[in-house]
Amino acid sequence: MSKSNTTEKPDPWRVPIAVAQIPETGLHRDLEADQAVRNAVADVGGLREVLSAQASFDVMPNSGGRFHVAGHVRARIAQTCVVTLEEIESDIDEPIDLVFAPPEQIPQMAALVDEAEESDEETPDPPEPIENGMIDLGRVATDALYLAVDPYPRKPGAVFEPVVEAADPEDHPFAALRALKPEPKKPGSRKPKGK
């Protein structure tokens, strides 16, 4: 999630939480995107419109300066059907279950994830970095929303039927050979036999 390209658009939904202010008992946050944020989320995500967007999070401290972020993002978005090109609306309800860790722990924890991938055990997701002492819940919600968007939305019942063109009988690989073939002789046009 690093910002290496200066032409990249900024995060459309920002709700930073300072990890130093998270109590030992954790905290709960309910978020709702206003119209300006929804417009920005739609613009950055290439969506026709974001009609609503809410998120709910529980942030719990773990050992070693890590934090567990769990919750849901719910949204209603407008897209264009890839079959009929009509506007359609879709509901998103995406669970969130992430671990945030100090940046210096990321390489070590990523190595543990790589080791787990080589075994038969279920592979955990690598942790997200805590950036400048903050966890941005708006960014977490936006990323989850984008991951849940169907890139090829279809109106219910819409089926793609390719255009079928009738085959031209003159259009086949051996059509050029037909021109080389001598014309067939017509019956009754025999030459008289020589004497």
C-alpha atoms as a PDB file:
ATOM      1  CA  MET A   1       0.000   0.000   0.000  1.00  0.00           C
ATOM      2  CA  SER A   2       2.950   2.324  -0.429  1.00  0.00           C
ATOM      3  CA  LYS A   3       2.640   5.599  -2.306  1.00  0.00           C
ATOM      4  CA  SER A   4       5.595   5.508  -4.686  1.00  0.00           C
ATOM      5  CA  ASN A   5       3.916   7.164  -7.671  1.00  0.00           C
ATOM      6  CA  THR A   6       3.298  10.903  -7.276  1.00  0.00           C
ATOM      7  CA  THR A   7       0.445  10.850  -9.832  1.00  0.00           C
ATOM      8  CA  GLU A   8      -1.509   8.374  -7.684  1.00  0.00           C
ATOM      9  CA  LYS A   9      -4.788   9.694  -6.297  1.00  0.00           C
ATOM     10  CA  PRO A  10      -4.921  10.182  -2.516  1.00  0.00           C
ATOM     11  CA  ASP A  11      -6.875   7.820  -0.299  1.00  0.00           C
ATOM     12  CA  PRO A  12     -10.525   8.786  -0.772  1.00  0.00           C
ATOM     13  CA  TRP A  13     -11.638   7.838   2.767  1.00  0.00           C
ATOM     14  CA  ARG A  14      -9.322   8.678   5.654  1.00  0.00           C
ATOM     15  CA  VAL A  15     -10.055   7.863   9.292  1.00  0.00           C
ATOM     16  CA  PRO A  16      -6.654   7.578  11.000  1.00  0.00           C
ATOM     17  CA  ILE A  17      -6.453   6.181  14.528  1.00  0.00           C
ATOM     18  CA  ALA A  18      -3.308   6.752  16.607  1.00  0.00           C
ATOM     19  CA  VAL A  19      -2.228   3.386  18.014  1.00  0.00           C
ATOM     20  CA  ALA A  20      -0.859   5.130  21.131  1.00  0.00           C
ATOM     21  CA  GLN A  21      -4.433   6.182  21.990  1.00  0.00           C
ATOM     22  CA  ILE A  22      -5.981   2.714  21.674  1.00  0.00           C
ATOM     23  CA  PRO A  23      -6.836   1.501  25.197  1.00  0.00           C
ATOM     24  CA  GLU A  24      -5.844  -1.966  26.429  1.00  0.00           C
ATOM     25  CA  THR A  25      -9.498  -2.975  26.233  1.00  0.00           C
ATOM     26  CA  GLY A  26      -9.557  -2.000  22.529  1.00  0.00           C
ATOM     27  CA  LEU A  27     -11.942   0.322  20.792  1.00  0.00           C
ATOM     28  CA  HIS A  28     -14.970   0.157  18.517  1.00  0.00           C
ATOM     29  CA  ARG A  29     -15.593   2.529  15.597  1.00  0.00           C
ATOM     30  CA  ASP A  30     -18.620   2.871  13.327  1.00  0.00           C
ATOM     31  CA  LEU A  31     -17.958   4.872  10.174  1.00  0.00           C
ATOM     32  CA  GLU A  32     -20.279   6.287   7.532  1.00  0.00           C
ATOM     33  CA  ALA A  33     -18.999   7.915   4.357  1.00  0.00           C
ATOM     34  CA  ASP A  34     -20.530  11.273   3.466  1.00  0.00           C
ATOM     35  CA  GLN A  35     -21.383  12.291  -0.117  1.00  0.00           C
ATOM     36  CA  ALA A  36     -17.953  13.811  -0.832  1.00  0.00           C
ATOM     37  CA  VAL A  37     -16.158  10.664   0.367  1.00  0.00           C
ATOM     38  CA  ARG A  38     -18.527   8.395  -1.605  1.00  0.00           C
ATOM     39  CA  ASN A  39     -17.885  10.448  -4.755  1.00  0.00           C
ATOM     40  CA  ALA A  40     -14.120  10.159  -4.216  1.00  0.00           C
ATOM     41  CA  VAL A  41     -14.358   6.394  -3.558  1.00  0.00           C
ATOM     42  CA  ALA A  42     -16.358   5.973  -6.779  1.00  0.00           C
ATOM     43  CA  ASP A  43     -13.879   8.097  -8.747  1.00  0.00           C
ATOM     44  CA  VAL A  44     -10.760   6.284  -7.499  1.00  0.00           C
ATOM     45  CA  GLY A  45     -12.416   2.854  -7.840  1.00  0.00           C
ATOM     46  CA  GLY A  46     -13.800   3.451 -11.331  1.00  0.00           C
ATOM     47  CA  LEU A  47     -17.391   2.963 -10.162  1.00  0.00           C
ATOM     48  CA  ARG A  48     -20.419   4.726 -11.575  1.00  0.00           C
ATOM     49  CA  GLU A  49     -21.546   5.707  -8.071  1.00  0.00           C
ATOM     50  CA  VAL A  50     -21.271   4.722  -4.405  1.00  0.00           C
ATOM     51  CA  LEU A  51     -24.776   5.137  -3.009  1.00  0.00           C
ATOM     52  CA  SER A  52     -23.856   4.276   0.592  1.00  0.00           C
ATOM     53  CA  ALA A  53     -20.811   3.072   2.518  1.00  0.00           C
ATOM     54  CA  GLN A  54     -20.523   2.143   6.181  1.00  0.00           C
ATOM     55  CA  ALA A  55     -17.919   0.260   8.169  1.00  0.00           C
ATOM     56  CA  SER A  56     -17.754  -1.137  11.662  1.00  0.00           C
ATOM     57  CA  PHE A  57     -14.446  -2.004  13.357  1.00  0.00           C
ATOM     58  CA  ASP A  58     -13.118  -3.476  16.572  1.00  0.00           C
ATOM     59  CA  VAL A  59      -9.426  -2.702  17.139  1.00  0.00           C
ATOM     60  CA  MET A  60      -7.713  -4.821  19.814  1.00  0.00           C
ATOM     61  CA  PRO A  61      -4.086  -4.537  20.946  1.00  0.00           C
ATOM     62  CA  ASN A  62      -1.980  -7.720  20.703  1.00  0.00           C
ATOM     63  CA  SER A  63       1.481  -8.481  22.028  1.00  0.00           C
ATOM     64  CA  GLY A  64       4.558  -6.940  20.439  1.00  0.00           C
ATOM     65  CA  GLY A  65       2.869  -3.675  19.448  1.00  0.00           C
ATOM     66  CA  ARG A  66       0.543  -5.433  17.005  1.00  0.00           C
ATOM     67  CA  PHE A  67      -3.185  -4.740  16.630  1.00  0.00           C
ATOM     68  CA  HIS A  68      -6.033  -6.946  15.435  1.00  0.00           C
ATOM     69  CA  VAL A  69      -8.646  -5.147  13.314  1.00  0.00           C
ATOM     70  CA  ALA A  70     -11.910  -6.997  12.706  1.00  0.00           C
ATOM     71  CA  GLY A  71     -15.202  -5.805  11.285  1.00  0.00           C
ATOM     72  CA  HIS A  72     -17.323  -5.336   8.163  1.00  0.00           C
ATOM     73  CA  VAL A  73     -17.717  -2.880   5.359  1.00  0.00           C
ATOM     74  CA  ARG A  74     -21.146  -2.526   3.775  1.00  0.00           C
ATOM     75  CA  ALA A  75     -21.891  -0.527   0.665  1.00  0.00           C
ATOM     76  CA  ARG A  76     -24.352  -0.107  -2.191  1.00  0.00           C
ATOM     77  CA  ILE A  77     -22.711   0.697  -5.498  1.00  0.00           C
ATOM     78  CA  ALA A  78     -23.910   1.496  -9.022  1.00  0.00           C
ATOM     79  CA  GLN A  79     -22.132  -0.086 -11.978  1.00  0.00           C
ATOM     80  CA  THR A  80     -22.796  -0.777 -15.654  1.00  0.00           C
ATOM     81  CA  CYS A  81     -23.890  -4.278 -16.699  1.00  0.00           C
ATOM     82  CA  VAL A  82     -21.230  -5.742 -19.014  1.00  0.00           C
ATOM     83  CA  VAL A  83     -23.918  -7.485 -21.101  1.00  0.00           C
ATOM     84  CA  THR A  84     -26.796  -5.018 -21.442  1.00  0.00           C
ATOM     85  CA  LEU A  85     -24.880  -1.783 -20.596  1.00  0.00           C
ATOM     86  CA  GLU A  86     -27.728  -0.871 -18.231  1.00  0.00           C
ATOM     87  CA  GLU A  87     -27.094   0.688 -14.821  1.00  0.00           C
ATOM     88  CA  ILE A  88     -27.296  -1.864 -12.011  1.00  0.00           C
ATOM     89  CA  GLU A  89     -26.884  -1.640  -8.255  1.00  0.00           C
ATOM     90  CA  SER A  90     -25.016  -4.138  -6.089  1.00  0.00           C
ATOM     91  CA  ASP A  91     -24.704  -4.640  -2.342  1.00  0.00           C
ATOM     92  CA  ILE A  92     -21.358  -5.312  -0.709  1.00  0.00           C
ATOM     93  CA  ASP A  93     -20.948  -6.882   2.724  1.00  0.00           C
ATOM     94  CA  GLU A  94     -17.274  -7.707   3.186  1.00  0.00           C
ATOM     95  CA  PRO A  95     -15.735  -9.044   6.416  1.00  0.00           C
ATOM     96  CA  ILE A  96     -12.412  -7.611   7.575  1.00  0.00           C
ATOM     97  CA  ASP A  97      -9.858  -9.508   9.660  1.00  0.00           C
ATOM     98  CA  LEU A  98      -6.369  -7.978   9.636  1.00  0.00           C
ATOM     99  CA  VAL A  99      -3.304  -7.710  11.821  1.00  0.00           C
ATOM    100  CA  PHE A 100      -1.301  -4.477  11.867  1.00  0.00           C
ATOM    101  CA  ALA A 101       2.312  -4.544  13.037  1.00  0.00           C
ATOM    102  CA  PRO A 102       5.136  -2.044  13.454  1.00  0.00           C
ATOM    103  CA  PRO A 103       7.056  -1.701  10.154  1.00  0.00           C
ATOM    104  CA  GLU A 104      10.224  -3.268  11.600  1.00  0.00           C
ATOM    105  CA  GLN A 105       8.284  -6.516  12.331  1.00  0.00           C
ATOM    106  CA  ILE A 106       6.882  -6.881   8.787  1.00  0.00           C
ATOM    107  CA  PRO A 107       9.894  -8.707   7.211  1.00  0.00           C
ATOM    108  CA  GLN A 108      10.079 -11.200  10.099  1.00  0.00           C
ATOM    109  CA  MET A 109       6.311 -11.848  10.057  1.00  0.00           C
ATOM    110  CA  ALA A 110       6.287 -12.115   6.244  1.00  0.00           C
ATOM    111  CA  ALA A 111       8.968 -14.827   6.529  1.00  0.00           C
ATOM    112  CA  LEU A 112       6.707 -16.748   8.932  1.00  0.00           C
ATOM    113  CA  VAL A 113       3.868 -16.470   6.391  1.00  0.00           C
ATOM    114  CA  ASP A 114       6.188 -17.794   3.656  1.00  0.00           C
ATOM    115  CA  GLU A 115       7.127 -20.775   5.872  1.00  0.00           C
ATOM    116  CA  ALA A 116       3.445 -21.481   6.563  1.00  0.00           C
ATOM    117  CA  GLU A 117       2.744 -21.511   2.804  1.00  0.00           C
ATOM    118  CA  GLU A 118       5.207 -24.385   2.411  1.00  0.00           C
ATOM    119  CA  SER A 119       3.374 -26.479   5.018  1.00  0.00           C
ATOM    120  CA  ASP A 120      -0.115 -27.986   4.829  1.00  0.00           C
ATOM    121  CA  GLU A 121      -1.450 -25.621   7.487  1.00  0.00           C
ATOM    122  CA  GLU A 122      -3.783 -22.746   6.678  1.00  0.00           C
ATOM    123  CA  THR A 123      -1.690 -19.770   5.595  1.00  0.00           C
ATOM    124  CA  PRO A 124      -2.265 -16.548   7.548  1.00  0.00           C
ATOM    125  CA  ASP A 125      -2.337 -13.226   5.730  1.00  0.00           C
ATOM    126  CA  PRO A 126       0.804 -11.127   6.108  1.00  0.00           C
ATOM    127  CA  PRO A 127       0.404  -8.192   8.491  1.00  0.00           C
ATOM    128  CA  GLU A 128      -0.228  -4.645   7.362  1.00  0.00           C
ATOM    129  CA  PRO A 129       2.259  -1.982   8.503  1.00  0.00           C
ATOM    130  CA  ILE A 130       1.379   0.619  11.088  1.00  0.00           C
ATOM    131  CA  GLU A 131       2.356   3.811   9.257  1.00  0.00           C
ATOM    132  CA  ASN A 132       3.603   6.769  11.301  1.00  0.00           C
ATOM    133  CA  GLY A 133       1.960   5.346  14.437  1.00  0.00           C
ATOM    134  CA  MET A 134      -1.469   5.268  12.742  1.00  0.00           C
ATOM    135  CA  ILE A 135      -3.966   2.732  11.447  1.00  0.00           C
ATOM    136  CA  ASP A 136      -6.234   4.294   8.807  1.00  0.00           C
ATOM    137  CA  LEU A 137      -9.634   2.624   9.190  1.00  0.00           C
ATOM    138  CA  GLY A 138     -11.005   4.545   6.199  1.00  0.00           C
ATOM    139  CA  ARG A 139      -8.309   3.064   3.998  1.00  0.00           C
ATOM    140  CA  VAL A 140      -9.009  -0.420   5.393  1.00  0.00           C
ATOM    141  CA  ALA A 141     -12.718   0.015   4.573  1.00  0.00           C
ATOM    142  CA  THR A 142     -11.997   1.353   1.080  1.00  0.00           C
ATOM    143  CA  ASP A 143      -9.559  -1.461   0.247  1.00  0.00           C
ATOM    144  CA  ALA A 144     -12.085  -4.081   1.401  1.00  0.00           C
ATOM    145  CA  LEU A 145     -14.832  -2.425  -0.655  1.00  0.00           C
ATOM    146  CA  TYR A 146     -12.678  -2.398  -3.809  1.00  0.00           C
ATOM    147  CA  LEU A 147     -11.711  -6.056  -3.338  1.00  0.00           C
ATOM    148  CA  ALA A 148     -15.397  -7.013  -3.082  1.00  0.00           C
ATOM    149  CA  VAL A 149     -16.467  -5.202  -6.285  1.00  0.00           C
ATOM    150  CA  ASP A 150     -17.412  -7.528  -9.154  1.00  0.00           C
ATOM    151  CA  PRO A 151     -15.233  -6.407 -12.080  1.00  0.00           C
ATOM    152  CA  TYR A 152     -17.771  -7.842 -14.567  1.00  0.00           C
ATOM    153  CA  PRO A 153     -21.200  -7.019 -13.117  1.00  0.00           C
ATOM    154  CA  ARG A 154     -24.251  -8.516 -14.804  1.00  0.00           C
ATOM    155  CA  LYS A 155     -27.891  -7.668 -14.515  1.00  0.00           C
ATOM    156  CA  PRO A 156     -29.762 -10.713 -13.114  1.00  0.00           C
ATOM    157  CA  GLY A 157     -30.736 -12.980 -16.008  1.00  0.00           C
ATOM    158  CA  ALA A 158     -28.525 -11.183 -18.545  1.00  0.00           C
ATOM    159  CA  VAL A 159     -26.722 -13.671 -20.769  1.00  0.00           C
ATOM    160  CA  PHE A 160     -24.067 -12.815 -23.301  1.00  0.00           C
ATOM    161  CA  GLU A 161     -24.953 -14.215 -26.712  1.00  0.00           C
ATOM    162  CA  PRO A 162     -22.301 -13.697 -29.362  1.00  0.00           C
ATOM    163  CA  VAL A 163     -23.424 -12.426 -32.759  1.00  0.00           C
ATOM    164  CA  VAL A 164     -23.592 -15.362 -35.142  1.00  0.00           C
ATOM    165  CA  GLU A 165     -22.984 -14.553 -38.783  1.00  0.00           C
ATOM    166  CA  ALA A 166     -23.984 -16.935 -41.528  1.00  0.00           C
ATOM    167  CA  ALA A 167     -20.946 -18.514 -43.101  1.00  0.00           C
ATOM    168  CA  ASP A 168     -20.171 -17.398 -46.643  1.00  0.00           C
ATOM    169  CA  PRO A 169     -19.885 -20.563 -48.767  1.00  0.00           C
ATOM    170  CA  GLU A 170     -17.201 -18.829 -50.843  1.00  0.00           C
ATOM    171  CA  ASP A 171     -15.132 -18.092 -47.727  1.00  0.00           C
ATOM    172  CA  HIS A 172     -13.178 -21.238 -46.875  1.00  0.00           C
ATOM    173  CA  PRO A 173      -9.548 -22.339 -47.185  1.00  0.00           C
ATOM    174  CA  PHE A 174     -10.029 -24.069 -50.582  1.00  0.00           C
ATOM    175  CA  ALA A 175     -12.063 -21.313 -52.265  1.00  0.00           C
ATOM    176  CA  ALA A 176      -9.027 -20.214 -54.297  1.00  0.00           C
ATOM    177  CA  LEU A 177      -8.643 -23.732 -55.707  1.00  0.00           C
ATOM    178  CA  ARG A 178     -12.143 -23.597 -57.159  1.00  0.00           C
ATOM    179  CA  ALA A 179     -10.949 -20.929 -59.618  1.00  0.00           C
ATOM    180  CA  LEU A 180      -8.292 -23.336 -60.900  1.00  0.00           C
ATOM    181  CA  LYS A 181     -10.721 -26.191 -61.445  1.00  0.00           C
ATOM    182  CA  PRO A 182     -11.823 -26.511 -65.121  1.00  0.00           C
ATOM    183  CA  GLU A 183     -15.458 -25.885 -65.872  1.00  0.00           C
ATOM    184  CA  PRO A 184     -17.458 -29.113 -66.108  1.00  0.00           C
ATOM    185  CA  LYS A 185     -18.637 -30.065 -69.586  1.00  0.00           C
ATOM    186  CA  LYS A 186     -22.304 -29.681 -70.272  1.00  0.00           C
ATOM    187  CA  PRO A 187     -24.166 -32.827 -71.369  1.00  0.00           C
ATOM    188  CA  GLY A 188     -24.865 -32.969 -75.092  1.00  0.00           C
ATOM    189  CA  SER A 189     -21.942 -30.760 -76.010  1.00  0.00           C
ATOM    190  CA  ARG A 190     -19.628 -33.599 -77.012  1.00  0.00           C
ATOM    191  CA  LYS A 191     -17.222 -33.131 -79.822  1.00  0.00           C
ATOM    192  CA  PRO A 192     -17.744 -35.515 -82.674  1.00  0.00           C
ATOM    193  CA  LYS A 193     -15.270 -38.335 -82.751  1.00  0.00           C
ATOM    194  CA  GLY A 194     -12.585 -38.087 -85.322  1.00  0.00           C
ATOM    195  CA  LYS A 195     -12.849 -40.125 -88.528  1.00  0.00           C
END
